[in-house]
N, C-alpha and C. Protein backbone atom coordinates (compact mmCIF):
# COMPACT_ATOMS: atom_id res chain seq x y z
N UNK A 1 -1.00 -12.69 17.45
CA UNK A 1 -0.75 -11.23 17.72
C UNK A 1 -1.94 -10.50 18.34
N UNK A 2 -2.25 -9.91 19.39
CA UNK A 2 -3.10 -9.05 19.88
C UNK A 2 -3.49 -7.75 18.94
N UNK A 3 -4.67 -7.77 18.29
CA UNK A 3 -4.80 -6.39 17.45
C UNK A 3 -5.52 -5.38 18.52
N UNK A 4 -5.45 -4.02 18.22
CA UNK A 4 -5.81 -2.85 19.27
C UNK A 4 -6.06 -1.84 18.15
N UNK A 5 -6.92 -0.81 18.52
CA UNK A 5 -7.23 -0.02 17.41
C UNK A 5 -6.32 1.28 17.61
N UNK A 6 -6.02 1.87 16.32
CA UNK A 6 -5.43 3.02 16.47
C UNK A 6 -6.03 4.26 16.48
N UNK A 7 -5.69 5.34 16.94
CA UNK A 7 -6.41 6.50 17.23
C UNK A 7 -7.46 6.80 16.57
N UNK A 8 -7.18 6.49 15.14
CA UNK A 8 -8.23 6.93 14.36
C UNK A 8 -9.50 5.60 14.11
N UNK A 9 -9.26 4.87 14.86
CA UNK A 9 -10.27 3.71 15.19
C UNK A 9 -10.25 2.39 14.29
N UNK A 10 -9.17 2.37 13.52
CA UNK A 10 -8.96 1.22 12.58
C UNK A 10 -7.96 0.34 13.30
N UNK A 11 -8.23 -1.25 12.91
CA UNK A 11 -7.60 -2.41 13.60
C UNK A 11 -5.87 -2.16 13.46
N UNK A 12 -4.89 -2.48 14.31
CA UNK A 12 -4.02 -2.30 14.07
C UNK A 12 -3.22 -3.67 14.85
N UNK A 13 -2.61 -4.38 14.08
CA UNK A 13 -2.37 -4.33 12.79
C UNK A 13 -3.22 -4.57 11.86
N UNK A 14 -3.37 -4.40 10.48
CA UNK A 14 -4.15 -4.51 9.45
C UNK A 14 -3.58 -5.66 8.64
N UNK A 15 -4.07 -6.96 8.64
CA UNK A 15 -3.28 -7.89 7.94
C UNK A 15 -3.89 -7.93 6.49
N UNK A 16 -2.78 -7.96 5.54
CA UNK A 16 -3.20 -7.87 3.92
C UNK A 16 -2.47 -8.72 3.10
N UNK A 17 -2.59 -9.97 2.74
CA UNK A 17 -1.75 -10.60 1.67
C UNK A 17 -0.80 -11.19 2.29
N UNK A 18 -0.56 -11.30 3.78
CA UNK A 18 0.52 -11.88 4.41
C UNK A 18 1.07 -10.87 4.73
N UNK A 19 0.85 -9.69 4.68
CA UNK A 19 1.62 -8.39 5.23
C UNK A 19 0.98 -7.69 6.47
N UNK A 20 1.64 -6.70 7.33
CA UNK A 20 1.29 -6.14 8.33
C UNK A 20 1.18 -4.47 7.51
N UNK A 21 -0.15 -3.71 7.69
CA UNK A 21 -0.04 -2.53 7.23
C UNK A 21 -0.73 -1.61 8.44
N UNK A 22 -0.15 -0.71 8.37
CA UNK A 22 -0.74 0.38 9.59
C UNK A 22 -1.55 1.16 8.19
N UNK A 23 -2.96 1.57 8.79
CA UNK A 23 -3.77 2.20 7.94
C UNK A 23 -4.05 3.64 8.61
N UNK A 24 -3.80 4.57 7.81
CA UNK A 24 -4.26 5.91 8.53
C UNK A 24 -5.63 6.45 7.86
N UNK A 25 -6.42 6.59 8.62
CA UNK A 25 -8.01 6.71 7.69
C UNK A 25 -8.12 8.38 8.10
N UNK A 26 -7.22 9.28 7.07
CA UNK A 26 -7.72 10.89 7.12
C UNK A 26 -8.57 11.07 5.89
N UNK A 27 -9.34 10.46 5.38
CA UNK A 27 -10.39 10.71 4.48
C UNK A 27 -11.67 11.16 5.49
N UNK A 28 -12.76 11.59 4.78
CA UNK A 28 -13.91 11.71 5.09
C UNK A 28 -14.03 12.84 6.28
N UNK A 29 -12.65 13.91 6.32
CA UNK A 29 -12.84 14.66 7.50
C UNK A 29 -13.61 16.19 6.66
N UNK A 30 -13.71 16.18 5.12
CA UNK A 30 -14.13 17.43 4.43
C UNK A 30 -13.36 18.54 4.76
N UNK A 31 -13.84 19.35 5.18
CA UNK A 31 -13.25 20.63 5.53
C UNK A 31 -12.43 20.86 7.17
N UNK A 32 -13.02 19.85 7.82
CA UNK A 32 -12.43 19.80 9.38
C UNK A 32 -10.70 19.56 9.60
N UNK A 33 -10.26 20.98 9.16
CA UNK A 33 -8.82 21.09 9.32
C UNK A 33 -8.11 20.51 10.92
N UNK A 34 -8.92 21.26 11.69
CA UNK A 34 -8.31 21.02 13.19
C UNK A 34 -8.90 19.52 13.57
N UNK A 35 -9.80 18.87 13.28
CA UNK A 35 -9.92 17.60 13.63
C UNK A 35 -9.02 16.62 12.94
N UNK A 36 -8.76 17.05 11.61
CA UNK A 36 -7.62 16.01 11.07
C UNK A 36 -6.12 16.05 11.49
N UNK A 37 -5.65 17.56 11.95
CA UNK A 37 -4.80 17.83 12.56
C UNK A 37 -4.34 17.28 13.81
N UNK A 38 -5.23 17.26 14.52
CA UNK A 38 -5.51 16.70 15.93
C UNK A 38 -5.19 15.02 15.70
N UNK A 39 -5.78 14.57 14.75
CA UNK A 39 -5.96 12.90 14.53
C UNK A 39 -4.41 12.80 14.08
N UNK A 40 -3.73 13.24 13.51
CA UNK A 40 -2.36 13.47 12.67
C UNK A 40 -1.31 13.46 13.82
N UNK A 41 -1.64 14.20 14.93
CA UNK A 41 -0.97 14.18 16.07
C UNK A 41 -0.90 12.79 16.89
N UNK A 42 -2.06 12.48 17.05
CA UNK A 42 -2.56 11.14 18.05
C UNK A 42 -1.89 9.81 17.31
N UNK A 43 -2.08 10.01 15.89
CA UNK A 43 -1.48 8.73 15.21
C UNK A 43 0.10 8.64 15.35
N UNK A 44 0.36 9.98 15.04
CA UNK A 44 2.03 9.82 15.13
C UNK A 44 2.55 9.25 16.53
N UNK A 45 2.08 10.04 17.67
CA UNK A 45 2.57 9.20 19.06
C UNK A 45 1.99 7.83 19.08
N UNK A 46 1.20 7.29 18.68
CA UNK A 46 0.67 6.03 18.52
C UNK A 46 1.89 5.22 17.72
N UNK A 47 2.14 5.74 16.63
CA UNK A 47 3.48 5.00 15.77
C UNK A 47 4.57 4.99 16.42
N UNK A 48 5.14 5.97 16.95
CA UNK A 48 6.47 6.53 17.52
C UNK A 48 6.56 6.22 18.83
N UNK A 49 5.50 6.01 19.52
CA UNK A 49 5.81 5.42 21.00
C UNK A 49 6.71 4.12 21.12
N UNK A 50 6.58 2.77 20.79
CA UNK A 50 6.72 1.93 20.95
C UNK A 50 8.05 1.70 19.60
N UNK A 51 8.30 2.56 19.09
CA UNK A 51 9.57 2.72 17.88
C UNK A 51 9.14 1.26 17.15
N UNK A 52 8.13 1.46 16.16
CA UNK A 52 7.73 0.25 15.27
C UNK A 52 8.30 0.69 14.25
N UNK A 53 8.20 -0.12 13.03
CA UNK A 53 8.94 0.26 11.84
C UNK A 53 7.49 -0.32 10.97
N UNK A 54 7.07 0.47 10.05
CA UNK A 54 5.46 0.10 9.46
C UNK A 54 5.46 0.58 8.34
N UNK A 55 4.46 -0.34 7.45
CA UNK A 55 4.29 -0.06 6.18
C UNK A 55 3.30 0.83 6.14
N UNK A 56 2.94 1.79 5.83
CA UNK A 56 1.65 3.04 6.10
C UNK A 56 1.23 3.12 5.01
N UNK A 57 -0.15 3.05 5.10
CA UNK A 57 -1.36 3.38 4.02
C UNK A 57 -1.81 4.49 4.67
N UNK A 58 -2.10 5.62 3.58
CA UNK A 58 -2.67 6.81 3.99
C UNK A 58 -4.18 6.96 2.93
N UNK A 59 -5.15 7.23 3.47
CA UNK A 59 -6.49 7.55 2.83
C UNK A 59 -6.94 9.06 3.04
N UNK A 60 -6.75 9.80 1.81
CA UNK A 60 -7.48 11.13 2.12
C UNK A 60 -8.69 11.14 1.31
N UNK A 61 -9.29 10.32 0.64
CA UNK A 61 -10.63 10.19 0.01
C UNK A 61 -11.50 11.28 0.82
N UNK A 62 -12.28 12.50 0.32
CA UNK A 62 -13.41 13.09 0.71
C UNK A 62 -12.79 14.18 1.85
N UNK A 63 -11.38 14.52 1.64
CA UNK A 63 -10.86 15.46 2.46
C UNK A 63 -10.40 16.61 1.71
N UNK A 64 -10.68 17.89 2.09
CA UNK A 64 -9.88 18.96 1.27
C UNK A 64 -8.64 19.19 2.02
N UNK A 65 -7.83 19.09 0.89
CA UNK A 65 -6.03 19.56 1.30
C UNK A 65 -5.98 20.75 0.86
N UNK A 66 -6.10 21.52 2.02
CA UNK A 66 -5.67 22.61 2.04
C UNK A 66 -4.09 22.49 2.36
N UNK A 67 -3.72 23.81 1.99
CA UNK A 67 -2.09 24.19 2.75
C UNK A 67 -1.76 23.85 3.55
N UNK A 68 -2.51 23.83 4.90
CA UNK A 68 -2.56 23.49 6.29
C UNK A 68 -2.36 22.27 6.38
N UNK A 69 -3.31 21.37 5.75
CA UNK A 69 -3.45 20.13 6.15
C UNK A 69 -2.07 19.46 5.35
N UNK A 70 -1.69 19.69 4.04
CA UNK A 70 -0.53 19.33 3.22
C UNK A 70 0.77 19.78 4.05
N UNK A 71 0.83 20.53 4.66
CA UNK A 71 1.82 21.04 5.25
C UNK A 71 2.17 19.99 6.84
N UNK A 72 0.88 20.13 7.47
CA UNK A 72 0.53 19.09 8.86
C UNK A 72 1.35 17.84 8.52
N UNK A 73 0.69 17.37 7.52
CA UNK A 73 0.74 15.59 6.66
C UNK A 73 2.36 15.64 6.71
N UNK A 74 2.91 16.49 5.84
CA UNK A 74 4.31 16.39 5.22
C UNK A 74 5.42 16.49 6.75
N UNK A 75 4.81 17.49 7.53
CA UNK A 75 5.53 17.46 8.70
C UNK A 75 5.72 16.32 9.59
N UNK A 76 4.44 15.74 9.68
CA UNK A 76 4.16 14.30 10.40
C UNK A 76 5.00 13.30 10.03
N UNK A 77 4.83 12.83 8.61
CA UNK A 77 5.63 12.03 7.71
C UNK A 77 7.05 12.07 8.13
N UNK A 78 7.73 13.23 8.11
CA UNK A 78 8.88 14.05 7.80
C UNK A 78 9.40 13.02 9.54
N UNK A 79 8.67 13.28 10.47
CA UNK A 79 9.09 12.78 11.74
C UNK A 79 8.65 11.41 11.96
N UNK A 80 7.82 10.62 11.22
CA UNK A 80 7.97 9.44 11.44
C UNK A 80 8.50 8.77 10.37
N UNK A 81 9.46 8.99 9.58
CA UNK A 81 10.50 8.67 8.64
C UNK A 81 11.32 7.47 9.19
N UNK A 82 11.58 7.57 10.64
CA UNK A 82 12.43 6.06 11.03
C UNK A 82 11.59 5.32 10.95
N UNK A 83 10.42 5.45 11.32
CA UNK A 83 9.12 4.13 11.56
C UNK A 83 8.69 3.86 10.32
N UNK A 84 9.25 4.53 9.01
CA UNK A 84 8.18 4.01 7.86
C UNK A 84 9.11 3.24 6.91
N UNK A 85 8.53 1.97 6.85
CA UNK A 85 9.29 1.41 5.81
C UNK A 85 8.96 1.59 4.08
N UNK A 86 7.63 1.67 4.24
CA UNK A 86 7.18 2.03 2.68
C UNK A 86 5.80 3.17 3.04
N UNK A 87 5.51 3.91 2.31
CA UNK A 87 4.18 4.95 2.43
C UNK A 87 3.48 5.05 1.32
N UNK A 88 2.11 4.39 1.14
CA UNK A 88 1.14 4.38 0.07
C UNK A 88 0.03 5.77 0.56
N UNK A 89 0.04 6.61 -0.55
CA UNK A 89 -1.15 7.63 -0.21
C UNK A 89 -1.98 7.51 -1.19
N UNK A 90 -3.56 7.48 -1.03
CA UNK A 90 -4.56 7.36 -1.58
C UNK A 90 -5.63 8.45 -1.52
N UNK A 91 -5.84 9.03 -2.66
CA UNK A 91 -7.04 10.27 -2.60
C UNK A 91 -6.11 11.32 -2.90
N UNK A 92 -5.19 11.69 -3.63
CA UNK A 92 -4.54 12.75 -4.04
C UNK A 92 -4.82 12.87 -5.51
N UNK A 93 -5.23 14.02 -5.62
CA UNK A 93 -5.38 14.48 -7.17
C UNK A 93 -3.85 14.66 -7.76
N UNK A 94 -3.97 14.89 -9.03
CA UNK A 94 -2.79 15.70 -9.65
C UNK A 94 -2.07 17.10 -9.28
N UNK A 95 -3.13 17.76 -8.82
CA UNK A 95 -2.75 19.14 -8.49
C UNK A 95 -2.03 18.85 -7.01
N UNK A 96 -2.47 17.96 -6.07
CA UNK A 96 -2.27 17.38 -4.80
C UNK A 96 -1.07 17.01 -4.76
N UNK A 97 -0.41 16.31 -5.79
CA UNK A 97 0.83 15.51 -6.05
C UNK A 97 1.91 16.49 -5.69
N UNK A 98 1.52 17.70 -6.76
CA UNK A 98 2.54 18.58 -7.24
C UNK A 98 2.70 19.48 -6.09
N UNK A 99 1.79 19.51 -5.45
CA UNK A 99 1.83 20.64 -4.14
C UNK A 99 2.63 20.03 -2.96
N UNK A 100 2.54 18.72 -2.76
CA UNK A 100 3.29 17.75 -1.76
C UNK A 100 4.60 17.51 -2.29
N UNK A 101 4.92 17.61 -3.53
CA UNK A 101 6.61 17.48 -3.82
C UNK A 101 6.92 18.82 -3.63
N UNK A 102 6.33 19.96 -4.11
CA UNK A 102 6.74 21.13 -3.81
C UNK A 102 7.30 21.51 -2.72
N UNK A 103 6.20 21.01 -1.36
CA UNK A 103 6.87 21.23 -0.01
C UNK A 103 7.86 20.30 0.22
N UNK A 104 7.83 18.92 -0.42
CA UNK A 104 8.75 17.96 -0.45
C UNK A 104 10.45 18.55 -0.16
N UNK A 105 10.62 19.75 -1.04
CA UNK A 105 11.85 20.36 -1.33
C UNK A 105 12.40 20.72 0.16
N UNK A 106 11.67 21.05 1.19
CA UNK A 106 11.72 21.66 2.25
C UNK A 106 12.53 20.33 3.34
N UNK A 107 13.51 20.12 4.13
CA UNK A 107 14.22 19.31 4.68
C UNK A 107 12.81 18.77 5.88
N UNK A 108 12.32 19.98 6.27
CA UNK A 108 11.63 19.52 7.45
C UNK A 108 10.27 18.78 7.01
N UNK A 109 10.12 18.82 5.73
CA UNK A 109 8.97 18.18 5.30
C UNK A 109 8.81 17.07 4.29
N UNK A 110 10.37 16.41 4.44
CA UNK A 110 10.55 15.40 3.32
C UNK A 110 9.70 14.07 3.78
N UNK A 111 9.07 13.50 2.44
CA UNK A 111 8.33 12.25 2.98
C UNK A 111 9.32 11.38 3.02
N UNK A 112 9.15 10.01 3.47
CA UNK A 112 9.75 8.83 3.81
C UNK A 112 9.70 8.07 2.26
N UNK A 113 11.06 7.73 2.09
CA UNK A 113 11.00 6.83 0.89
C UNK A 113 11.40 5.71 1.12
N UNK A 114 10.86 4.63 0.57
CA UNK A 114 9.63 5.04 -0.73
C UNK A 114 8.23 5.51 -0.50
N UNK A 115 7.84 6.24 -1.36
CA UNK A 115 6.45 6.75 -1.33
C UNK A 115 5.52 6.87 -2.82
N UNK A 116 4.44 6.29 -2.57
CA UNK A 116 4.13 6.13 -3.81
C UNK A 116 2.57 6.72 -3.51
N UNK A 117 1.90 7.49 -4.60
CA UNK A 117 0.44 7.72 -5.14
C UNK A 117 -0.33 6.70 -5.58
N UNK A 118 -1.24 6.30 -4.97
CA UNK A 118 -2.27 5.51 -5.81
C UNK A 118 -3.81 6.20 -5.98
N UNK A 119 -4.50 5.71 -7.15
CA UNK A 119 -5.78 5.88 -6.97
C UNK A 119 -6.67 5.00 -6.48
N UNK A 120 -6.31 3.88 -6.46
CA UNK A 120 -7.13 2.60 -6.21
C UNK A 120 -6.28 2.20 -4.77
N UNK A 121 -7.18 2.02 -3.88
CA UNK A 121 -6.68 1.56 -2.64
C UNK A 121 -6.03 0.42 -2.29
N UNK A 122 -6.83 -0.99 -3.06
CA UNK A 122 -6.06 -2.01 -3.32
C UNK A 122 -4.86 -2.31 -3.82
N UNK A 123 -4.74 -1.20 -5.05
CA UNK A 123 -3.25 -1.32 -5.44
C UNK A 123 -2.40 -1.01 -4.64
N UNK A 124 -2.73 0.37 -3.86
CA UNK A 124 -1.94 0.73 -3.03
C UNK A 124 -1.36 -0.07 -1.72
N UNK A 125 -2.20 -1.03 -1.16
CA UNK A 125 -2.11 -1.99 -0.24
C UNK A 125 -1.20 -3.14 -0.76
N UNK A 126 -1.51 -3.26 -2.13
CA UNK A 126 -0.73 -4.52 -2.74
C UNK A 126 1.12 -4.19 -2.98
N UNK A 127 1.03 -2.78 -3.24
CA UNK A 127 2.32 -2.41 -3.26
C UNK A 127 3.17 -2.35 -2.19
N UNK A 128 2.10 -1.89 -1.02
CA UNK A 128 3.11 -2.02 0.50
C UNK A 128 3.67 -3.23 0.86
N UNK A 129 3.02 -4.38 0.51
CA UNK A 129 3.24 -5.85 0.89
C UNK A 129 4.05 -6.43 -0.35
N UNK A 130 4.32 -5.93 -1.32
CA UNK A 130 5.06 -6.65 -2.20
C UNK A 130 6.63 -6.61 -1.55
N UNK A 131 7.33 -7.17 -2.48
CA UNK A 131 8.83 -7.57 -2.16
C UNK A 131 9.63 -6.18 -2.62
N UNK A 132 9.36 -5.76 -3.93
CA UNK A 132 10.15 -4.57 -4.18
C UNK A 132 9.18 -3.27 -4.07
N UNK A 133 10.29 -2.19 -3.97
CA UNK A 133 10.19 -0.77 -4.00
C UNK A 133 9.31 -0.44 -4.91
């Protein structure tokens, strides 16, 4: 299969332990809300255009998760639900998880199922390619 670069500059697809993962690098944006939200829209268009169905891994390390960023992320993931097999999120604090679950109660911001949160990127990728949810 031919590999290409996603809007975030990462190889697509990313092969890991026999599976294919789509990596969303939303980390290292620090306080750049607008830059991150723009990248989220580009990634959303990249995923939805050819009607892909993906295992998605999201990295949020070193990004300030403001209400605007969390809302934008939740809305984007909600729109990508038909294209998402599993979603693994890395880099959320306990507080951030609580905040995203609170947003998740709104129908327009519901995260795909199954979604899991991880502190270790390798654990997240392993869960994505595992057979069980």
